[in-house]
Protein backbone atom coordinates (compact mmCIF):
# COMPACT_ATOMS: atom_id res chain seq x y z
CA MET A 1 -17.15 -53.58 -74.23
CA ALA A 2 -18.46 -55.36 -71.17
CA LYS A 3 -21.79 -57.10 -71.19
CA ILE A 4 -23.70 -55.71 -68.20
CA ILE A 5 -25.93 -58.20 -66.38
CA SER A 6 -28.18 -57.39 -63.42
CA VAL A 7 -29.02 -60.17 -60.98
CA VAL A 8 -32.46 -59.17 -59.79
CA ASN A 9 -35.58 -60.36 -57.97
CA GLN A 10 -37.56 -58.12 -55.63
CA LYS A 11 -38.17 -61.10 -53.32
CA GLY A 12 -35.51 -61.55 -50.66
CA GLY A 13 -33.72 -64.82 -50.01
CA THR A 14 -33.60 -66.02 -53.61
CA GLY A 15 -29.80 -66.22 -53.83
CA LYS A 16 -29.08 -62.96 -55.69
CA THR A 17 -25.87 -62.09 -53.87
CA THR A 18 -24.67 -65.69 -53.82
CA THR A 19 -25.26 -65.85 -57.56
CA ALA A 20 -23.70 -62.48 -58.38
CA THR A 21 -20.50 -63.05 -56.38
CA ASN A 22 -19.94 -66.67 -57.43
CA LEU A 23 -20.89 -66.29 -61.09
CA ALA A 24 -18.41 -63.40 -61.27
CA ALA A 25 -15.73 -65.54 -59.61
CA PHE A 26 -16.05 -68.39 -62.08
CA LEU A 27 -16.13 -65.99 -65.04
CA ALA A 28 -12.86 -64.49 -63.74
CA ALA A 29 -11.43 -67.99 -63.27
CA MET A 30 -12.23 -68.65 -66.94
CA GLY A 31 -10.10 -65.70 -68.01
CA LYS A 32 -12.73 -62.96 -68.14
CA TYR A 33 -12.24 -59.53 -66.60
CA VAL A 34 -15.20 -58.94 -64.31
CA LEU A 35 -16.54 -56.05 -62.24
CA LEU A 36 -19.10 -56.83 -59.53
CA VAL A 37 -21.28 -53.86 -58.59
CA ASP A 38 -22.78 -54.14 -55.10
CA LEU A 39 -25.96 -52.08 -55.44
CA ASP A 40 -27.51 -53.40 -52.22
CA PRO A 41 -27.18 -51.14 -49.13
CA GLN A 42 -26.90 -54.31 -47.00
CA ALA A 43 -23.44 -54.70 -48.63
CA ASN A 44 -23.46 -58.50 -48.34
CA ALA A 45 -21.50 -58.91 -51.57
CA THR A 46 -18.88 -56.46 -50.30
CA SER A 47 -18.42 -58.21 -46.94
CA GLY A 48 -18.65 -61.64 -48.59
CA LEU A 49 -15.63 -60.75 -50.71
CA GLY A 50 -13.55 -59.92 -47.63
CA PHE A 51 -14.09 -56.16 -47.37
CA GLU A 52 -15.41 -54.43 -44.26
CA PRO A 53 -18.01 -51.91 -45.58
CA GLU A 54 -17.61 -49.56 -42.61
CA ALA A 55 -13.85 -49.46 -43.11
CA LEU A 56 -14.10 -48.29 -46.72
CA GLU A 57 -13.79 -44.52 -47.02
CA LYS A 58 -15.66 -44.36 -50.33
CA ASN A 59 -18.23 -46.65 -51.92
CA LEU A 60 -20.87 -46.73 -54.64
CA TYR A 61 -22.94 -44.07 -52.85
CA HIS A 62 -20.20 -41.48 -53.38
CA ALA A 63 -19.95 -42.34 -57.08
CA LEU A 64 -23.72 -42.15 -57.63
CA VAL A 65 -24.51 -39.09 -55.52
CA ASP A 66 -21.23 -37.16 -55.23
CA SER A 67 -20.19 -37.85 -58.84
CA LEU A 68 -16.94 -39.52 -57.78
CA TYR A 69 -15.23 -41.35 -60.65
CA PRO A 70 -15.81 -45.11 -60.55
CA GLU A 71 -12.04 -45.63 -60.67
CA ASP A 72 -11.87 -43.93 -57.25
CA ILE A 73 -14.06 -46.52 -55.53
CA ILE A 74 -13.33 -49.78 -57.41
CA ARG A 75 -11.31 -52.30 -55.42
CA LYS A 76 -9.42 -55.37 -56.59
CA THR A 77 -10.43 -58.62 -54.91
CA ASN A 78 -7.91 -61.36 -54.13
CA LEU A 79 -8.97 -63.19 -57.30
CA PHE A 80 -7.19 -62.06 -60.48
CA GLY A 81 -9.45 -60.27 -62.97
CA TYR A 82 -12.22 -59.76 -60.38
CA ASP A 83 -12.93 -56.16 -59.23
CA LEU A 84 -15.59 -54.79 -56.90
CA ALA A 85 -17.54 -51.54 -56.75
CA PRO A 86 -18.36 -51.78 -53.02
CA SER A 87 -21.50 -50.84 -51.15
CA GLY A 88 -22.07 -49.39 -47.71
CA GLY A 89 -24.92 -48.51 -45.38
CA ASP A 90 -25.07 -44.93 -46.67
CA LEU A 91 -26.19 -46.29 -50.05
CA ALA A 92 -29.66 -46.62 -48.48
CA GLY A 93 -29.84 -42.83 -48.58
CA ALA A 94 -29.08 -42.73 -52.30
CA ALA A 95 -32.69 -43.50 -53.18
CA ILE A 96 -33.69 -40.24 -51.46
CA ASP A 97 -30.74 -38.19 -52.72
CA LEU A 98 -31.34 -39.26 -56.32
CA VAL A 99 -35.03 -38.31 -56.41
CA ASN A 100 -34.54 -34.69 -57.46
CA MET A 101 -31.56 -35.27 -59.74
CA GLU A 102 -31.76 -35.07 -63.51
CA GLU A 103 -31.75 -38.42 -65.31
CA ARG A 104 -31.87 -40.11 -61.92
CA GLU A 105 -32.62 -43.52 -63.50
CA PHE A 106 -29.41 -43.32 -65.56
CA LYS A 107 -26.89 -42.51 -62.79
CA LEU A 108 -25.49 -46.05 -62.67
CA TYR A 109 -25.65 -46.40 -66.45
CA ASN A 110 -23.50 -43.28 -66.89
CA LEU A 111 -21.14 -44.39 -64.15
CA LEU A 112 -20.50 -47.83 -65.65
CA HIS A 113 -20.15 -46.41 -69.14
CA ARG A 114 -16.87 -44.84 -67.99
CA VAL A 115 -15.29 -48.22 -67.19
CA ARG A 116 -17.18 -50.50 -69.55
CA THR A 117 -14.24 -51.01 -71.90
CA ASN A 118 -12.09 -52.32 -69.01
CA TYR A 119 -14.13 -55.49 -68.51
CA ASP A 120 -15.71 -58.46 -70.28
CA TYR A 121 -18.60 -58.65 -67.82
CA ILE A 122 -20.13 -56.27 -65.29
CA ILE A 123 -22.42 -58.05 -62.83
CA ILE A 124 -24.83 -55.95 -60.75
CA ASP A 125 -26.15 -57.32 -57.45
CA CYS A 126 -29.49 -55.53 -57.06
CA PRO A 127 -31.36 -54.92 -53.78
CA PRO A 128 -34.43 -57.04 -52.93
CA SER A 129 -36.91 -54.33 -53.92
CA LEU A 130 -38.14 -52.43 -56.95
CA GLY A 131 -37.04 -48.99 -55.75
CA LEU A 132 -34.90 -46.38 -57.48
CA LEU A 133 -31.64 -48.26 -56.89
CA THR A 134 -33.00 -51.37 -58.60
CA ILE A 135 -34.40 -49.23 -61.43
CA ASN A 136 -30.85 -47.90 -61.87
CA GLY A 137 -29.56 -51.48 -61.89
CA LEU A 138 -32.06 -52.46 -64.57
CA THR A 139 -31.52 -49.35 -66.69
CA ALA A 140 -27.76 -49.88 -66.64
CA ALA A 141 -28.04 -53.51 -67.74
CA ASP A 142 -28.10 -55.19 -71.13
CA GLU A 143 -29.61 -58.34 -69.66
CA ILE A 144 -31.01 -59.67 -66.41
CA ILE A 145 -30.68 -62.97 -64.59
CA VAL A 146 -33.56 -63.77 -62.22
CA PRO A 147 -32.72 -66.20 -59.40
CA VAL A 148 -35.89 -68.12 -58.49
CA GLN A 149 -36.03 -70.05 -55.25
CA CYS A 150 -37.45 -73.56 -55.67
CA GLU A 151 -40.09 -73.13 -52.99
CA TYR A 152 -43.77 -72.28 -52.69
CA TYR A 153 -44.63 -68.77 -53.98
CA ALA A 154 -41.58 -68.91 -56.26
CA LEU A 155 -43.47 -67.29 -59.13
CA GLU A 156 -44.95 -64.63 -56.84
CA GLY A 157 -43.61 -61.23 -57.84
CA LEU A 158 -42.07 -62.39 -61.11
CA GLY A 159 -45.00 -60.91 -63.01
CA GLN A 160 -44.41 -57.54 -61.33
CA LEU A 161 -40.71 -57.71 -62.18
CA LEU A 162 -41.47 -58.44 -65.83
CA LYS A 163 -43.90 -55.48 -65.92
CA THR A 164 -41.09 -53.26 -64.59
CA VAL A 165 -38.77 -54.57 -67.31
CA ASN A 166 -41.42 -53.70 -69.92
CA LEU A 167 -41.81 -50.19 -68.45
CA ILE A 168 -38.06 -49.63 -68.69
CA GLN A 169 -38.08 -50.83 -72.28
CA ASP A 170 -41.03 -48.60 -73.21
CA ASN A 171 -40.33 -45.44 -71.20
CA LEU A 172 -36.57 -45.27 -70.81
CA GLY A 173 -35.63 -46.53 -74.24
CA ARG A 174 -33.46 -49.38 -72.97
CA ASP A 175 -33.33 -52.69 -74.84
CA LEU A 176 -33.31 -54.78 -71.66
CA ARG A 177 -33.36 -58.52 -72.29
CA ILE A 178 -34.04 -61.42 -69.98
CA LYS A 179 -31.04 -63.74 -70.08
CA GLY A 180 -32.83 -66.32 -68.02
CA ALA A 181 -34.35 -67.50 -64.78
CA LEU A 182 -31.96 -69.41 -62.52
CA LEU A 183 -33.31 -72.12 -60.23
CA THR A 184 -31.78 -71.76 -56.76
CA MET A 185 -31.95 -73.88 -53.60
CA TYR A 186 -32.91 -76.79 -55.80
CA ASP A 187 -33.19 -80.27 -54.31
CA LYS A 188 -34.02 -82.90 -56.90
CA ARG A 189 -35.06 -85.33 -54.13
CA ASN A 190 -37.73 -82.87 -53.02
CA LYS A 191 -41.09 -83.16 -54.81
CA LEU A 192 -41.88 -79.45 -54.34
CA SER A 193 -38.51 -78.45 -55.87
CA ARG A 194 -39.22 -80.60 -58.92
CA GLN A 195 -42.74 -79.19 -59.27
CA VAL A 196 -41.56 -75.58 -59.01
CA ALA A 197 -38.77 -76.23 -61.54
CA LYS A 198 -41.29 -77.78 -63.93
CA GLU A 199 -43.69 -74.84 -63.53
CA ILE A 200 -40.98 -72.24 -64.12
CA ARG A 201 -39.78 -74.01 -67.27
CA LEU A 202 -43.43 -74.13 -68.40
CA HIS A 203 -43.92 -70.39 -67.81
CA PHE A 204 -40.59 -69.34 -69.33
CA PRO A 205 -39.80 -71.82 -72.11
CA GLY A 206 -36.30 -71.23 -73.41
CA TYR A 207 -35.55 -68.74 -70.64
CA VAL A 208 -34.44 -71.04 -67.82
CA PHE A 209 -30.78 -71.92 -67.35
CA GLU A 210 -29.85 -75.58 -67.54
CA ALA A 211 -27.66 -75.04 -64.48
CA ALA A 212 -29.59 -75.25 -61.21
CA ILE A 213 -28.07 -74.15 -57.90
CA PRO A 214 -28.55 -76.76 -55.16
CA ARG A 215 -28.92 -76.26 -51.44
CA CYS A 216 -25.32 -76.43 -50.28
CA ILE A 217 -23.87 -75.65 -46.86
CA ARG A 218 -20.52 -74.73 -48.43
CA LEU A 219 -22.21 -71.87 -50.35
CA ALA A 220 -23.54 -70.51 -47.07
CA GLU A 221 -20.17 -70.87 -45.32
CA ALA A 222 -17.91 -69.27 -47.94
CA PRO A 223 -18.89 -65.56 -47.36
CA SER A 224 -18.11 -65.82 -43.64
CA PHE A 225 -14.48 -66.41 -44.68
CA GLY A 226 -14.58 -63.51 -47.18
CA LYS A 227 -14.35 -65.99 -50.04
CA THR A 228 -16.33 -67.09 -53.06
CA ILE A 229 -17.18 -70.76 -53.48
CA PHE A 230 -14.45 -70.91 -56.16
CA GLN A 231 -11.86 -70.03 -53.52
CA TYR A 232 -13.49 -71.92 -50.65
CA GLU A 233 -14.54 -75.26 -52.12
CA PRO A 234 -14.80 -75.18 -55.94
CA ASN A 235 -15.59 -78.90 -56.26
CA SER A 236 -18.59 -78.81 -53.92
CA LEU A 237 -22.07 -79.21 -55.38
CA GLY A 238 -22.54 -75.44 -55.24
CA GLY A 239 -19.16 -74.77 -56.83
CA SER A 240 -19.85 -77.20 -59.66
CA ALA A 241 -23.25 -75.60 -60.27
CA TYR A 242 -21.82 -72.07 -60.54
CA ARG A 243 -19.05 -73.31 -62.81
CA GLN A 244 -21.75 -74.81 -65.05
CA LEU A 245 -23.67 -71.51 -64.99
CA ALA A 246 -20.57 -69.52 -66.01
CA GLU A 247 -19.82 -71.96 -68.83
CA GLU A 248 -23.44 -71.80 -69.99
CA LEU A 249 -23.43 -67.99 -69.93
CA ILE A 250 -20.25 -67.80 -72.01
CA ARG A 251 -21.63 -70.36 -74.46
CA LEU A 252 -24.93 -68.49 -74.86
CA ASP A 253 -23.06 -65.23 -75.45
CA LYS A 254 -20.96 -66.84 -78.18
CA GLU A 255 -24.12 -68.17 -79.85
CA THR A 256 -25.67 -64.68 -79.96
CA ILE A 257 -22.62 -62.97 -81.51
């Protein structure tokens, strides 16, 4: 059964979508079957993988709200072993539509349970908020990865996120674990980057990935071509960093078996 990992931070601009799409790509390149779930109404992961959200007749909204089977919305990307549950602008309305539904926090959990045996990993790209969609993303997950931007205020909001994780553990009966914090936009030449990295490792000993994602123009360019960094320029600094992250994730999973 797939390990389900949510990439989450309620702060915007931390590299969630970049991490979700590229980590999934390198996992697929290493022979894993991966499903990326675009839970963000902005649909950046969907467009970054070469799909036009407006052109898709059905997306994750229809599976969550209209009870469409996940198999009816999942699309294959142009990378073998890498599938996508796409998003669209109408997903923004799901937070309202779900409010009065029974077990509203478990809609995504139930949806992914139908296809969980088809994959090795399911990666969820959560929205930059702590609303009902993100709660669904956390409830559906076994573990979370928290991208943390190496800039001032990096730790701001992390405490609130961890409180939310605790609430889900206590009130929804989910054994949600923190896989690790991931340093993003890291520049080892920059004193502030080094200080932030040091502080995060101090606050979360044993819960920070060795891999750190650097500032890299190639990472920013790749989505405009509908490609992951693996397809666009795998040997760039960003590509090498995400390859290291995928290798580290697989190694950690083997150690916990």
